[in-house]
Protein backbone atom coordinates (compact mmCIF):
# COMPACT_ATOMS: atom_id res chain seq x y z
CA MET A 1 262.46 86.50 238.38
CA LEU A 2 261.69 88.32 241.40
CA GLN A 3 259.54 86.51 243.93
CA PRO A 4 257.06 87.89 246.89
CA GLY A 5 258.88 88.32 250.27
CA GLN A 6 262.52 88.54 248.30
CA ARG A 7 264.14 91.60 249.61
CA ILE A 8 266.25 93.85 246.94
CA THR A 9 267.89 97.44 246.52
CA LEU A 10 266.35 99.69 244.23
CA LYS A 11 267.46 102.70 242.59
CA VAL A 12 264.52 105.20 242.04
CA VAL A 13 264.04 106.98 238.89
CA ASP A 14 260.54 108.36 238.59
CA LEU A 15 257.18 108.72 240.28
CA SER A 16 253.78 107.31 239.31
CA HIS A 17 250.45 108.55 238.30
CA ASP A 18 249.44 107.89 242.40
CA GLY A 19 252.81 109.02 243.81
CA ALA A 20 254.72 105.85 244.07
CA GLY A 21 258.20 105.39 243.46
CA VAL A 22 259.31 103.59 239.79
CA GLY A 23 262.06 101.46 239.35
CA ARG A 24 263.32 98.63 237.11
CA ILE A 25 264.79 95.58 237.81
CA GLY A 26 265.88 94.10 234.44
CA ASN A 27 262.72 94.83 232.36
CA LEU A 28 259.99 94.70 235.21
CA VAL A 29 259.14 97.71 236.71
CA VAL A 30 258.77 98.33 240.13
CA PHE A 31 256.21 100.43 242.25
CA VAL A 32 257.27 101.31 245.91
CA THR A 33 255.00 103.79 248.15
CA GLY A 34 256.53 106.10 250.01
CA ALA A 35 259.95 106.13 247.52
CA LEU A 36 261.23 109.16 245.60
CA PRO A 37 263.49 109.89 242.30
CA ASP A 38 267.02 109.90 242.85
CA GLU A 39 266.98 107.59 246.01
CA GLN A 40 268.16 104.18 246.64
CA VAL A 41 265.82 101.89 248.90
CA GLU A 42 265.77 98.54 250.23
CA VAL A 43 262.52 97.02 249.34
CA GLU A 44 260.45 93.80 249.96
CA ILE A 45 258.72 92.64 246.95
CA ILE A 46 255.08 92.30 248.08
CA GLU A 47 253.48 91.52 244.65
CA VAL A 48 254.80 90.57 241.16
CA ARG A 49 252.29 90.45 238.08
CA LYS A 50 253.41 90.01 234.41
CA ASN A 51 254.33 93.44 233.55
CA PHE A 52 255.23 95.03 237.09
CA SER A 53 256.04 94.28 240.45
CA ARG A 54 255.12 96.25 244.05
CA GLY A 55 257.40 96.66 246.96
CA LYS A 56 257.04 97.92 250.32
CA LEU A 57 259.54 100.32 251.17
CA LEU A 58 261.98 99.38 253.98
CA SER A 59 264.77 101.78 254.14
CA VAL A 60 265.96 104.54 252.45
CA LEU A 61 269.60 104.12 251.87
CA GLU A 62 270.16 107.37 250.19
CA ALA A 63 267.62 109.97 250.06
CA SER A 64 266.50 112.46 247.91
CA PRO A 65 267.43 116.17 248.78
CA GLU A 66 263.58 116.96 248.27
CA ARG A 67 262.28 114.49 250.78
CA ILE A 68 261.20 115.67 254.18
CA ASN A 69 259.75 114.38 257.38
CA PRO A 70 255.65 114.02 256.86
CA PRO A 71 254.32 116.11 259.66
CA CYS A 72 251.70 113.94 260.17
CA PRO A 73 251.40 111.08 262.82
CA VAL A 74 249.16 108.58 260.71
CA TYR A 75 250.84 109.44 256.98
CA GLY A 76 251.59 105.84 255.94
CA SER A 77 248.61 104.02 257.51
CA CYS A 78 246.03 106.43 256.43
CA GLY A 79 245.03 106.47 252.57
CA GLY A 80 244.34 110.03 252.27
CA CYS A 81 247.82 111.79 251.04
CA GLN A 82 250.54 109.96 248.93
CA LEU A 83 253.00 112.98 249.06
CA GLN A 84 253.52 114.35 252.44
CA HIS A 85 257.31 113.20 252.39
CA LEU A 86 257.97 115.13 249.19
CA ASN A 87 258.40 119.03 249.91
CA TYR A 88 255.65 121.26 248.19
CA ARG A 89 257.93 122.72 245.17
CA ALA A 90 258.86 119.46 244.50
CA GLN A 91 255.17 118.32 244.51
CA LEU A 92 254.21 121.29 242.29
CA ASN A 93 256.94 120.11 239.82
CA TYR A 94 255.67 116.64 239.62
CA LYS A 95 252.00 117.61 239.08
CA LYS A 96 253.38 119.62 235.78
CA GLU A 97 255.72 116.75 234.58
CA ARG A 98 252.96 114.04 235.38
CA ILE A 99 250.44 116.10 233.10
CA GLY A 100 252.89 116.91 230.56
CA ASN A 101 253.97 113.17 230.69
CA ALA A 102 250.37 112.14 229.83
CA LEU A 103 249.53 114.41 226.94
CA ALA A 104 252.66 113.12 225.45
CA ARG A 105 252.15 109.53 225.88
CA ILE A 106 248.32 108.99 226.02
CA GLY A 107 247.19 112.30 223.62
CA ASN A 108 250.24 112.07 221.59
CA LEU A 109 250.55 115.74 222.28
CA LYS A 110 254.11 115.66 222.26
CA ASP A 111 254.99 120.14 221.75
CA ILE A 112 252.44 121.02 224.36
CA SER A 113 254.26 123.45 226.88
CA VAL A 114 252.79 122.79 230.74
CA ASN A 115 252.65 125.68 232.72
CA PRO A 116 253.75 125.92 236.36
CA ALA A 117 251.18 124.59 238.68
CA LEU A 118 249.21 127.66 240.62
CA GLY A 119 250.21 126.30 244.14
CA MET A 120 249.00 127.23 247.71
CA GLU A 121 250.83 129.63 250.14
CA ASN A 122 249.82 127.75 253.04
CA PRO A 123 249.12 123.87 251.43
CA TRP A 124 247.64 122.50 254.80
CA ARG A 125 244.02 122.47 256.35
CA TYR A 126 242.34 123.52 253.22
CA ARG A 127 239.72 120.61 252.61
CA ASN A 128 235.88 121.82 253.23
CA LYS A 129 234.67 118.29 253.07
CA VAL A 130 235.84 114.82 255.12
CA GLN A 131 234.08 111.57 254.98
CA LEU A 132 234.40 109.14 257.91
CA HIS A 133 233.80 105.95 258.13
CA ALA A 134 232.59 103.92 261.17
CA ILE A 135 233.44 100.97 262.46
CA GLN A 136 232.79 99.39 266.23
CA ILE A 137 235.89 98.82 268.08
CA LYS A 138 236.05 96.87 271.70
CA GLY A 139 232.66 98.26 272.33
CA GLN A 140 232.91 101.63 270.93
CA LEU A 141 231.68 103.19 267.69
CA LYS A 142 234.84 104.84 266.19
CA LEU A 143 235.15 107.17 263.29
CA GLY A 144 238.10 107.71 260.90
CA TYR A 145 239.82 106.78 257.53
CA TYR A 146 240.42 103.94 256.04
CA GLN A 147 243.69 102.22 255.64
CA SER A 148 245.17 102.15 252.35
CA GLY A 149 244.29 99.47 250.53
CA SER A 150 241.71 98.30 253.27
CA ARG A 151 238.85 98.36 255.59
CA GLN A 152 241.20 98.89 258.55
CA LEU A 153 240.06 102.03 260.27
CA ILE A 154 242.60 104.57 261.14
CA PRO A 155 241.01 106.61 264.56
CA ILE A 156 241.29 110.69 263.74
CA GLU A 157 242.93 112.37 266.11
CA ASP A 158 243.85 115.42 263.99
CA CYS A 159 244.16 115.72 259.88
CA LEU A 160 246.21 117.92 258.76
CA LEU A 161 244.08 118.43 255.69
CA LEU A 162 241.15 119.45 257.68
CA PRO A 163 240.13 123.01 259.36
CA GLU A 164 241.59 122.55 263.00
CA GLY A 165 237.75 123.01 264.41
CA PHE A 166 236.69 119.54 262.65
CA ALA A 167 238.92 117.28 265.26
CA SER A 168 236.92 118.53 267.98
CA LEU A 169 233.69 118.08 266.54
CA ILE A 170 234.57 114.06 265.49
CA LYS A 171 235.36 113.73 269.25
CA ILE A 172 231.97 115.04 269.96
CA LEU A 173 230.36 112.87 267.39
CA GLU A 174 231.99 110.03 268.63
CA THR A 175 231.13 110.71 272.38
CA GLU A 176 227.41 111.34 271.76
CA LEU A 177 226.79 108.52 269.50
CA ASN A 178 228.21 105.74 271.85
CA LYS A 179 226.02 107.89 274.52
CA GLN A 180 223.16 107.55 272.49
CA GLY A 181 223.94 103.73 271.85
CA VAL A 182 224.51 104.24 267.96
CA LEU A 183 226.12 100.77 266.42
CA ALA A 184 228.24 101.08 263.30
CA PHE A 185 226.89 98.98 260.73
CA ASN A 186 228.66 95.66 260.04
CA PRO A 187 228.37 94.37 256.55
CA LYS A 188 229.13 90.93 257.48
CA THR A 189 226.76 90.51 260.07
CA LYS A 190 224.13 93.25 259.07
CA THR A 191 223.77 94.73 262.28
CA GLY A 192 224.47 98.04 263.55
CA ILE A 193 222.98 100.97 261.54
CA LEU A 194 225.81 103.61 260.88
CA LYS A 195 228.29 103.56 257.97
CA HIS A 196 229.23 107.07 257.38
CA ILE A 197 229.87 110.75 258.37
CA VAL A 198 230.33 113.24 255.89
CA ILE A 199 230.91 116.86 257.32
CA LYS A 200 230.91 120.11 255.13
CA GLN A 201 231.71 123.64 255.94
CA SER A 202 231.79 126.79 254.17
CA GLU A 203 235.24 128.64 254.37
CA ALA A 204 233.22 131.98 253.69
CA THR A 205 230.64 131.76 256.49
CA GLY A 206 231.63 129.01 258.85
CA GLU A 207 228.72 127.36 258.39
CA MET A 208 228.66 123.24 258.98
CA MET A 209 226.61 120.37 257.61
CA VAL A 210 226.77 117.02 258.97
CA ILE A 211 225.20 113.91 257.38
CA PHE A 212 224.73 110.62 258.78
CA VAL A 213 224.49 107.88 256.51
CA SER A 214 222.81 104.85 257.76
CA ALA A 215 222.38 101.35 256.28
CA ARG A 216 218.29 101.63 257.07
CA ALA A 217 215.72 104.21 257.49
CA ASP A 218 215.14 103.88 260.55
CA PHE A 219 217.66 106.03 262.93
CA PRO A 220 216.00 106.58 266.26
CA GLN A 221 218.47 108.54 267.81
CA GLY A 222 218.97 111.31 264.80
CA LYS A 223 216.99 113.74 266.26
CA ASP A 224 218.26 113.50 269.61
CA VAL A 225 222.27 113.53 268.20
CA SER A 226 221.31 116.19 265.83
CA LYS A 227 219.80 118.38 269.10
CA LYS A 228 222.84 117.87 270.74
CA LEU A 229 225.14 118.58 268.12
CA MET A 230 223.88 121.94 267.41
CA ALA A 231 223.74 123.02 270.63
CA GLU A 232 227.32 122.06 270.55
CA ASN A 233 228.45 123.79 267.63
CA PRO A 234 226.83 127.07 266.88
CA TYR A 235 228.32 126.84 263.57
CA ILE A 236 226.21 123.69 262.32
CA LYS A 237 223.42 124.65 260.53
CA SER A 238 222.37 121.56 259.13
CA VAL A 239 222.64 118.17 260.18
CA VAL A 240 220.79 115.35 257.43
CA HIS A 241 220.29 111.83 257.44
CA ASN A 242 221.16 109.58 254.46
CA ILE A 243 219.72 106.10 253.64
CA ASN A 244 222.33 103.99 251.75
CA SER A 245 221.40 100.37 252.10
CA SER A 246 223.40 99.11 249.38
CA SER A 247 225.68 101.35 247.28
CA ARG A 248 228.97 101.19 247.38
CA GLU A 249 229.23 104.96 247.12
CA ILE A 250 229.51 107.13 250.29
CA LEU A 251 226.03 108.45 249.60
CA GLY A 252 222.71 107.08 248.80
CA ARG A 253 219.90 108.99 247.32
CA ASP A 254 217.40 109.15 250.10
CA PHE A 255 218.36 112.45 252.06
CA ARG A 256 215.77 113.23 255.10
CA LEU A 257 216.55 116.95 257.26
CA LEU A 258 217.01 116.02 260.74
CA ALA A 259 217.86 119.77 262.05
CA GLY A 260 218.55 122.99 260.61
CA SER A 261 218.49 124.24 257.24
CA ASP A 262 218.78 122.12 253.98
CA ARG A 263 221.55 123.83 252.79
CA ILE A 264 224.69 125.86 253.53
CA LYS A 265 225.95 128.92 252.17
CA GLU A 266 229.64 129.52 250.30
CA LYS A 267 231.45 132.17 248.14
CA LEU A 268 233.77 131.91 245.61
CA GLY A 269 234.59 135.24 244.91
CA SER A 270 231.79 137.43 244.72
CA LEU A 271 229.26 134.95 243.82
CA GLU A 272 227.46 132.92 246.64
CA PHE A 273 226.73 129.05 246.18
CA LEU A 274 224.36 126.82 248.18
CA ILE A 275 225.49 123.63 249.03
CA SER A 276 222.96 120.82 249.50
CA PRO A 277 223.63 117.36 251.03
CA PRO A 278 224.56 115.63 247.58
CA ALA A 279 225.98 118.40 246.05
CA PHE A 280 229.24 118.76 244.57
CA PHE A 281 231.53 121.46 245.58
CA GLN A 282 235.39 121.42 245.02
CA VAL A 283 236.90 120.41 248.48
CA ASN A 284 239.40 123.59 248.60
CA THR A 285 237.62 126.92 247.94
CA LYS A 286 240.58 129.24 247.76
CA GLN A 287 242.03 126.92 244.86
CA ALA A 288 238.46 126.43 243.60
CA THR A 289 238.25 130.58 243.42
CA ARG A 290 241.73 130.87 241.42
CA LEU A 291 240.54 127.77 238.80
CA CYS A 292 236.92 129.80 238.17
CA LYS A 293 239.46 133.22 237.48
CA LYS A 294 241.48 130.96 235.35
CA VAL A 295 238.45 129.76 233.47
CA VAL A 296 237.24 133.53 232.78
CA GLU A 297 240.76 134.30 231.89
CA CYS A 298 240.55 131.66 229.02
CA ALA A 299 237.37 132.40 227.78
CA ASN A 300 237.95 136.21 227.18
CA LEU A 301 234.19 137.14 226.82
CA SER A 302 232.95 140.37 225.16
CA GLY A 303 229.29 139.93 226.21
CA LYS A 304 228.05 138.61 223.03
CA GLU A 305 228.97 135.01 223.36
CA ILE A 306 226.72 131.97 223.86
CA VAL A 307 227.81 129.39 226.07
CA PHE A 308 227.48 125.83 226.77
CA ASP A 309 228.96 124.49 230.04
CA LEU A 310 228.79 120.84 229.86
CA TYR A 311 228.59 118.91 233.05
CA CYS A 312 227.96 122.26 234.74
CA GLY A 313 227.14 120.66 238.23
CA THR A 314 225.72 123.38 240.50
CA GLY A 315 226.60 125.92 237.99
CA THR A 316 229.91 127.31 239.42
CA LEU A 317 231.53 128.23 236.26
CA SER A 318 228.09 129.00 234.60
CA LEU A 319 227.98 131.45 236.43
CA TRP A 320 231.25 133.02 236.80
CA LEU A 321 230.78 133.22 233.07
CA ALA A 322 227.29 134.48 233.14
CA GLY A 323 228.58 137.91 233.87
CA ASN A 324 230.67 138.09 230.73
CA ALA A 325 228.40 136.34 228.20
CA LYS A 326 224.93 136.79 226.51
CA LYS A 327 223.81 133.66 227.63
CA VAL A 328 224.99 130.48 229.12
CA TYR A 329 223.49 127.11 229.07
CA GLY A 330 224.39 124.44 231.86
CA MET A 331 223.67 120.89 231.31
CA GLU A 332 224.26 117.98 233.86
CA THR A 333 222.51 114.50 234.75
CA ASN A 334 222.18 115.21 238.37
CA PRO A 335 218.88 117.04 238.47
CA VAL A 336 219.75 117.66 242.40
CA ALA A 337 222.74 119.79 241.32
CA ILE A 338 220.75 121.45 238.48
CA LYS A 339 218.20 122.33 241.31
CA ASP A 340 220.99 123.65 243.19
CA ALA A 341 222.45 125.70 240.02
CA LYS A 342 219.11 127.27 239.71
CA ALA A 343 218.76 128.35 243.06
CA ASN A 344 222.39 129.77 242.69
CA ALA A 345 221.61 132.01 239.68
CA VAL A 346 218.44 133.16 241.93
CA LEU A 347 220.52 133.93 244.96
CA ASN A 348 222.83 135.88 242.63
CA LYS A 349 220.42 137.45 240.78
CA ILE A 350 221.95 135.99 237.44
CA ASN A 351 219.25 136.11 234.75
CA ASN A 352 221.26 134.82 231.54
CA ALA A 353 222.05 130.97 232.57
CA GLU A 354 219.68 128.36 232.09
CA PHE A 355 220.22 124.90 233.52
CA ILE A 356 218.72 121.93 232.24
CA ALA A 357 218.83 118.43 233.93
CA GLY A 358 219.84 115.07 231.88
CA GLN A 359 222.19 113.03 230.02
CA VAL A 360 224.94 115.78 227.89
CA GLU A 361 224.79 113.18 225.17
CA LYS A 362 221.22 113.71 224.61
CA ILE A 363 220.97 117.50 225.44
CA LEU A 364 223.95 118.77 223.67
CA PRO A 365 222.18 117.37 220.06
CA GLU A 366 219.06 118.56 221.24
CA LEU A 367 220.19 122.27 221.61
CA LEU A 368 222.31 122.39 218.20
CA SER A 369 219.15 120.85 216.42
CA LYS A 370 217.59 124.22 217.57
CA ASN A 371 220.18 125.96 215.83
CA ILE A 372 221.41 127.33 219.16
CA VAL A 373 225.14 127.94 217.97
CA PRO A 374 227.88 127.92 220.99
CA ASP A 375 230.92 130.78 220.76
CA LEU A 376 232.48 128.47 223.74
CA ILE A 377 231.83 125.36 224.99
CA VAL A 378 233.10 124.40 228.70
CA LEU A 379 233.88 120.99 229.68
CA ASP A 380 233.95 119.60 232.94
CA PRO A 381 233.49 115.91 233.10
CA PRO A 382 234.02 113.41 235.97
CA ARG A 383 236.88 111.38 236.03
CA GLN A 384 235.96 109.16 233.39
CA GLY A 385 236.15 112.25 230.86
CA VAL A 386 234.11 112.86 228.05
CA ALA A 387 231.89 110.60 225.84
CA LEU A 388 232.98 110.13 222.05
CA SER A 389 229.77 110.87 220.57
CA VAL A 390 229.95 114.32 222.86
CA LEU A 391 233.33 115.31 221.18
CA GLU A 392 231.72 114.17 217.77
CA GLU A 393 228.89 116.74 218.40
CA ILE A 394 231.36 119.29 219.56
CA ALA A 395 233.33 118.63 216.44
CA LYS A 396 229.68 119.08 214.11
CA ALA A 397 228.82 122.17 216.03
CA ALA A 398 232.46 124.09 215.45
CA PRO A 399 232.42 126.79 217.91
CA PRO A 400 236.18 128.62 218.05
CA SER A 401 236.84 127.89 221.37
CA LEU A 402 236.65 125.37 224.12
CA ILE A 403 237.69 125.29 227.56
CA TYR A 404 238.51 121.84 229.47
CA VAL A 405 238.53 121.38 233.07
CA SER A 406 239.98 118.12 234.48
CA CYS A 407 240.86 116.22 237.65
CA ASP A 408 242.56 113.14 235.67
CA SER A 409 245.22 113.74 233.33
CA GLY A 410 244.75 110.72 231.68
CA THR A 411 241.44 110.84 230.16
CA LEU A 412 242.14 114.66 229.70
CA ALA A 413 245.34 113.60 227.04
CA ARG A 414 243.01 110.83 225.68
CA ASP A 415 240.26 113.85 224.94
CA LEU A 416 242.71 116.20 223.86
CA GLY A 417 244.15 113.46 221.32
CA ILE A 418 240.80 113.06 219.93
CA LEU A 419 240.07 116.87 219.96
CA LYS A 420 243.24 117.35 217.89
CA ASP A 421 241.91 114.98 215.07
CA PHE A 422 238.98 117.11 214.80
CA SER A 423 241.05 120.09 214.10
CA TYR A 424 241.50 121.43 217.51
CA GLN A 425 244.67 122.98 219.02
CA THR A 426 245.83 122.85 222.69
CA GLN A 427 246.69 126.42 223.33
CA GLU A 428 247.38 126.74 227.38
CA VAL A 429 247.59 123.76 229.91
CA GLN A 430 247.19 125.34 233.53
CA PRO A 431 247.48 122.76 236.69
CA VAL A 432 245.87 124.01 239.61
CA ASP A 433 247.21 122.65 242.92
CA MET A 434 243.61 121.50 244.25
CA PHE A 435 244.88 119.12 246.39
CA PRO A 436 248.06 119.54 248.46
CA GLN A 437 250.01 116.58 249.75
CA THR A 438 248.05 114.39 247.48
CA SER A 439 248.94 112.89 244.19
CA HIS A 440 245.78 114.40 242.59
CA VAL A 441 245.52 117.56 240.25
CA GLU A 442 243.52 119.75 238.54
CA CYS A 443 243.48 121.23 235.00
CA VAL A 444 242.46 124.30 233.17
CA ILE A 445 243.02 123.68 229.24
CA GLU A 446 242.54 126.66 226.69
CA ILE A 447 241.36 125.10 223.25
CA GLN A 448 241.01 126.91 219.76
CA LYS A 449 239.69 125.67 216.38
CA VAL A 450 242.13 125.61 213.59
């Protein structure tokens, strides 16, 4: 029986869904962050549960030929990346296999072929958004990432997933906030004010948005800091104050404009999109464009079809599909996202897309009850996947085609298994590597009624 603190030698045979190495001691699975398949490693056991254990990698005794030296100096401390020690070709293979394994194990879809993952020519500096945490260290406000599994701050000198200009902006932010006497919020003592900073940048225009997230509504230094930022960096077009007094999420619901515009503009292909402070937008613009193109290819529209876009967000896929459809109906719970979607339709002069705010579970049956019959339904749900009631409504409507866009292979496999029981057959599975150097992967699935 393994015990915490025990040192063992382990043969690694696989990678888990979150990129940890997987080995076995007897019948007990051992997960080891930083280890790779085909490696012999020395491990210290740090946790033992009934069905699995976790180990800390002490040394690599026999290295995988796929192992490389991570270029980031804080890799292993920062929790943002999981796969920098694995060469990029092998990362893409891992993501393809991970999706195939999930489909077989969870969805009982054992004969489905998964296409090679669409990777990036340069899998670095692709993120258009960063979320920074603020902590007071030795009397100074510091910005950075949390260490994996903790709230210990890893200060950011540079992040190789961010555009090069972000590092200098972070330094300017730290300097100006300290000069203005802004204190980081301490959740234990309830002192200080600043919790997080979110930075967004348009790849197409270079425009940047800075969002200060505070624990209280009073942020007296906000105006002065905003003026200084916009004077220092002409690309900053929007500075926003967000109040989040209690939510565990990064952003609260209350947004107040401090300076500049309330939105920045991005492009995906030929379409332009306005990005507001709370709006969700894919963090990898280049790969998001490839994903949209794949969805349009799978849709194969003739111009006569009615399309439902479930969980449409700010309307990205809806507007891409509208150019080849008769009518697109987008539905989304977040009313702010629907407001952005409508603005994006106007911006791109698209008049055959209608956006409806509310729960998909309610909107979908309402549209069907009005005898609005879809030829294609697109699903792009959050990580928890599609509600069973929605899948049942889809089965009742019986459209000939579905396209499922997923960021979670587990819930994707579950939902495809349910759709199989409703006589929908998975035709094509195309991974898109939206998040190089991490264990995450996006996927586009073409599904047909049989």
